[in-house]
Amino acid sequence: MKIIFTKNALRYLDKQPKKNVQRIRDAIIKLTLKPPEGDIAVLQGYSDNRKRLRVGASRIIFKHTMDNQIEILLIIDIGNRGDIYK
C-alpha cells in the first residue's frame, strides 16, 4: 500500500512537535492494516468515501483508492478537532 500526503497535511505535520508527529504517523501506519485500526468514522456529505481518524485532539481526513492494482491511502488533511471540519 502506498501512502500519499497532500500539501496541507504535510504543512500541519511540519508545525507540530516531534512527539505528536510520531503519534500521528503511528496511527497512519495502522490504517494500512487489514482491517484498519483506530477510531475511524465515515464523513457525511462527501461522495468520495472520505473517513476520519481520531488521534487525540487531532483528526486525519483520508480515503482509500486503487490505481493500476495498487492500493493508495490518500491523507487529505490533518488538523485540530475544532478546525478540521470548517
N, C-alpha and C. Protein backbone atom coordinates (compact mmCIF):
# COMPACT_ATOMS: atom_id res chain seq x y z
N MET A 1 0.85 -1.18 0.00
CA MET A 1 0.00 0.00 0.00
C MET A 1 0.89 1.24 0.00
N LYS A 2 0.53 2.18 -0.84
CA LYS A 2 1.26 3.43 -0.97
C LYS A 2 0.52 4.52 -0.19
N ILE A 3 1.25 5.34 0.56
CA ILE A 3 0.65 6.43 1.33
C ILE A 3 1.06 7.75 0.69
N ILE A 4 0.06 8.58 0.39
CA ILE A 4 0.31 9.89 -0.23
C ILE A 4 -0.27 10.97 0.68
N PHE A 5 0.53 12.01 0.95
CA PHE A 5 0.12 13.14 1.77
C PHE A 5 -0.12 14.35 0.87
N THR A 6 -1.17 15.12 1.15
CA THR A 6 -1.37 16.39 0.45
C THR A 6 -0.47 17.46 1.09
N LYS A 7 -0.36 18.59 0.43
CA LYS A 7 0.46 19.69 0.95
C LYS A 7 -0.06 20.19 2.29
N ASN A 8 -1.39 20.27 2.44
CA ASN A 8 -1.97 20.73 3.70
C ASN A 8 -1.61 19.80 4.85
N ALA A 9 -1.64 18.50 4.60
CA ALA A 9 -1.31 17.54 5.65
C ALA A 9 0.16 17.67 6.05
N LEU A 10 1.04 17.79 5.08
CA LEU A 10 2.47 17.93 5.39
C LEU A 10 2.76 19.25 6.10
N ARG A 11 2.06 20.30 5.73
CA ARG A 11 2.24 21.61 6.38
C ARG A 11 1.87 21.52 7.87
N TYR A 12 0.78 20.81 8.17
CA TYR A 12 0.36 20.65 9.57
C TYR A 12 1.42 19.86 10.35
N LEU A 13 1.93 18.79 9.75
CA LEU A 13 2.93 17.97 10.44
C LEU A 13 4.22 18.75 10.70
N ASP A 14 4.59 19.64 9.79
CA ASP A 14 5.81 20.43 9.97
C ASP A 14 5.73 21.36 11.17
N LYS A 15 4.52 21.78 11.54
CA LYS A 15 4.33 22.73 12.64
C LYS A 15 4.20 22.04 14.00
N GLN A 16 4.09 20.73 14.03
CA GLN A 16 3.84 20.00 15.27
C GLN A 16 5.14 19.54 15.92
N PRO A 17 5.11 19.35 17.26
CA PRO A 17 6.28 18.78 17.95
C PRO A 17 6.51 17.34 17.49
N LYS A 18 7.75 16.89 17.61
CA LYS A 18 8.11 15.55 17.13
C LYS A 18 7.28 14.45 17.80
N LYS A 19 6.94 14.64 19.06
CA LYS A 19 6.15 13.64 19.78
C LYS A 19 4.77 13.46 19.13
N ASN A 20 4.13 14.56 18.77
CA ASN A 20 2.82 14.49 18.12
C ASN A 20 2.93 13.91 16.71
N VAL A 21 3.97 14.28 15.98
CA VAL A 21 4.16 13.77 14.63
C VAL A 21 4.33 12.26 14.66
N GLN A 22 5.11 11.75 15.60
CA GLN A 22 5.31 10.30 15.70
C GLN A 22 4.00 9.59 16.04
N ARG A 23 3.22 10.17 16.90
CA ARG A 23 1.92 9.58 17.27
C ARG A 23 0.98 9.53 16.07
N ILE A 24 0.97 10.59 15.27
CA ILE A 24 0.12 10.64 14.07
C ILE A 24 0.62 9.63 13.03
N ARG A 25 1.92 9.55 12.83
CA ARG A 25 2.47 8.60 11.85
C ARG A 25 2.20 7.15 12.26
N ASP A 26 2.29 6.85 13.55
CA ASP A 26 1.97 5.50 14.01
C ASP A 26 0.51 5.16 13.72
N ALA A 27 -0.38 6.14 13.92
CA ALA A 27 -1.80 5.92 13.64
C ALA A 27 -2.04 5.72 12.14
N ILE A 28 -1.31 6.44 11.30
CA ILE A 28 -1.46 6.28 9.85
C ILE A 28 -0.97 4.91 9.41
N ILE A 29 0.09 4.41 10.00
CA ILE A 29 0.58 3.07 9.68
C ILE A 29 -0.47 2.02 10.03
N LYS A 30 -1.21 2.23 11.12
CA LYS A 30 -2.27 1.28 11.49
C LYS A 30 -3.42 1.28 10.48
N LEU A 31 -3.55 2.35 9.70
CA LEU A 31 -4.58 2.39 8.66
C LEU A 31 -4.27 1.44 7.51
N THR A 32 -3.02 1.04 7.37
CA THR A 32 -2.64 0.14 6.27
C THR A 32 -2.92 -1.32 6.60
N LEU A 33 -3.25 -1.62 7.83
CA LEU A 33 -3.54 -3.00 8.22
C LEU A 33 -4.89 -3.44 7.67
N LYS A 34 -5.11 -4.73 7.62
CA LYS A 34 -6.39 -5.31 7.19
C LYS A 34 -7.02 -6.02 8.37
N PRO A 35 -8.08 -5.55 8.95
CA PRO A 35 -8.80 -4.30 8.75
C PRO A 35 -8.06 -3.14 9.44
N PRO A 36 -8.31 -1.90 9.01
CA PRO A 36 -7.64 -0.74 9.61
C PRO A 36 -7.98 -0.61 11.09
N GLU A 37 -7.02 -0.15 11.87
CA GLU A 37 -7.21 0.03 13.30
C GLU A 37 -7.32 1.51 13.63
N GLY A 38 -8.09 1.81 14.68
CA GLY A 38 -8.21 3.18 15.16
C GLY A 38 -9.66 3.61 15.25
N ASP A 39 -9.85 4.82 15.74
CA ASP A 39 -11.18 5.41 15.87
C ASP A 39 -11.55 6.04 14.52
N ILE A 40 -12.15 5.24 13.64
CA ILE A 40 -12.44 5.65 12.27
C ILE A 40 -13.94 5.85 12.11
N ALA A 41 -14.33 6.91 11.41
CA ALA A 41 -15.73 7.17 11.11
C ALA A 41 -15.84 7.71 9.69
N VAL A 42 -16.93 7.35 9.01
CA VAL A 42 -17.18 7.85 7.66
C VAL A 42 -17.72 9.27 7.76
N LEU A 43 -17.20 10.17 6.93
CA LEU A 43 -17.66 11.56 6.92
C LEU A 43 -18.91 11.68 6.05
N GLN A 44 -19.92 12.33 6.57
CA GLN A 44 -21.14 12.53 5.82
C GLN A 44 -21.01 13.76 4.93
N GLY A 45 -21.72 13.75 3.81
CA GLY A 45 -21.72 14.89 2.91
C GLY A 45 -20.68 14.81 1.80
N TYR A 46 -19.91 13.73 1.76
CA TYR A 46 -18.90 13.55 0.71
C TYR A 46 -19.24 12.29 -0.08
N SER A 47 -19.15 12.37 -1.39
CA SER A 47 -19.47 11.21 -2.21
C SER A 47 -18.23 10.35 -2.52
N ASP A 48 -17.05 10.79 -2.09
CA ASP A 48 -15.83 10.05 -2.40
C ASP A 48 -15.37 9.14 -1.26
N ASN A 49 -16.27 8.84 -0.31
CA ASN A 49 -15.99 7.88 0.77
C ASN A 49 -14.84 8.32 1.68
N ARG A 50 -14.82 9.59 2.03
CA ARG A 50 -13.81 10.09 2.96
C ARG A 50 -14.11 9.59 4.37
N LYS A 51 -13.04 9.39 5.13
CA LYS A 51 -13.18 8.95 6.51
C LYS A 51 -12.28 9.83 7.37
N ARG A 52 -12.53 9.77 8.68
CA ARG A 52 -11.66 10.50 9.59
C ARG A 52 -11.13 9.54 10.64
N LEU A 53 -9.92 9.80 11.07
CA LEU A 53 -9.27 9.03 12.12
C LEU A 53 -8.98 9.99 13.26
N ARG A 54 -9.41 9.62 14.46
CA ARG A 54 -9.17 10.45 15.64
C ARG A 54 -7.88 10.00 16.31
N VAL A 55 -6.98 10.96 16.52
CA VAL A 55 -5.72 10.71 17.22
C VAL A 55 -5.57 11.82 18.25
N GLY A 56 -6.04 11.58 19.47
CA GLY A 56 -6.02 12.61 20.50
C GLY A 56 -6.89 13.78 20.08
N ALA A 57 -6.31 14.99 20.06
CA ALA A 57 -7.05 16.18 19.65
C ALA A 57 -6.94 16.44 18.15
N SER A 58 -6.20 15.60 17.45
CA SER A 58 -6.02 15.77 16.00
C SER A 58 -6.97 14.86 15.24
N ARG A 59 -7.31 15.28 14.03
CA ARG A 59 -8.14 14.48 13.14
C ARG A 59 -7.42 14.33 11.81
N ILE A 60 -7.47 13.14 11.25
CA ILE A 60 -6.86 12.85 9.97
C ILE A 60 -7.98 12.50 8.99
N ILE A 61 -8.09 13.26 7.91
CA ILE A 61 -9.09 13.00 6.88
C ILE A 61 -8.39 12.21 5.77
N PHE A 62 -8.94 11.05 5.42
CA PHE A 62 -8.28 10.18 4.45
C PHE A 62 -9.30 9.42 3.61
N LYS A 63 -8.80 8.77 2.55
CA LYS A 63 -9.61 7.85 1.77
C LYS A 63 -8.70 6.83 1.11
N HIS A 64 -9.26 5.66 0.83
CA HIS A 64 -8.56 4.59 0.12
C HIS A 64 -8.96 4.63 -1.35
N THR A 65 -8.00 4.49 -2.25
CA THR A 65 -8.29 4.42 -3.67
C THR A 65 -7.44 3.32 -4.29
N MET A 66 -7.77 2.97 -5.52
CA MET A 66 -7.00 1.98 -6.28
C MET A 66 -6.48 2.65 -7.55
N ASP A 67 -5.22 2.39 -7.90
CA ASP A 67 -4.63 2.91 -9.12
C ASP A 67 -3.74 1.83 -9.72
N ASN A 68 -4.16 1.26 -10.84
CA ASN A 68 -3.39 0.21 -11.51
C ASN A 68 -3.04 -0.94 -10.57
N GLN A 69 -4.04 -1.44 -9.87
CA GLN A 69 -3.89 -2.58 -8.95
C GLN A 69 -3.04 -2.27 -7.73
N ILE A 70 -2.74 -1.00 -7.48
CA ILE A 70 -2.00 -0.59 -6.28
C ILE A 70 -2.97 0.16 -5.38
N GLU A 71 -3.07 -0.30 -4.14
CA GLU A 71 -3.95 0.38 -3.19
C GLU A 71 -3.22 1.62 -2.65
N ILE A 72 -3.94 2.74 -2.65
CA ILE A 72 -3.36 4.02 -2.22
C ILE A 72 -4.15 4.55 -1.04
N LEU A 73 -3.44 4.97 -0.01
CA LEU A 73 -4.04 5.66 1.13
C LEU A 73 -3.71 7.13 0.97
N LEU A 74 -4.73 7.94 0.68
CA LEU A 74 -4.54 9.37 0.46
C LEU A 74 -4.90 10.12 1.74
N ILE A 75 -3.91 10.78 2.34
CA ILE A 75 -4.12 11.60 3.52
C ILE A 75 -4.48 13.00 3.02
N ILE A 76 -5.75 13.35 3.11
CA ILE A 76 -6.25 14.59 2.54
C ILE A 76 -5.91 15.79 3.41
N ASP A 77 -6.14 15.67 4.72
CA ASP A 77 -5.89 16.80 5.61
C ASP A 77 -5.70 16.29 7.03
N ILE A 78 -4.94 17.04 7.81
CA ILE A 78 -4.72 16.77 9.23
C ILE A 78 -4.89 18.10 9.94
N GLY A 79 -5.58 18.08 11.08
CA GLY A 79 -5.77 19.32 11.82
C GLY A 79 -6.34 19.07 13.20
N ASN A 80 -6.50 20.16 13.95
CA ASN A 80 -7.11 20.06 15.28
C ASN A 80 -8.59 19.80 15.13
N ARG A 81 -9.17 19.20 16.13
CA ARG A 81 -10.56 18.75 16.03
C ARG A 81 -11.55 19.90 15.82
N GLY A 82 -11.26 21.07 16.30
CA GLY A 82 -12.17 22.20 16.13
C GLY A 82 -12.05 22.90 14.79
N ASP A 83 -10.89 22.74 14.14
CA ASP A 83 -10.63 23.48 12.91
C ASP A 83 -10.74 22.63 11.64
N ILE A 84 -10.64 21.35 11.75
CA ILE A 84 -10.51 20.48 10.56
C ILE A 84 -11.79 20.42 9.74
N TYR A 85 -12.95 20.55 10.36
CA TYR A 85 -14.20 20.38 9.64
C TYR A 85 -14.75 21.67 9.04
N LYS A 86 -14.05 22.78 9.22
CA LYS A 86 -14.54 24.07 8.71
C LYS A 86 -14.17 24.26 7.27
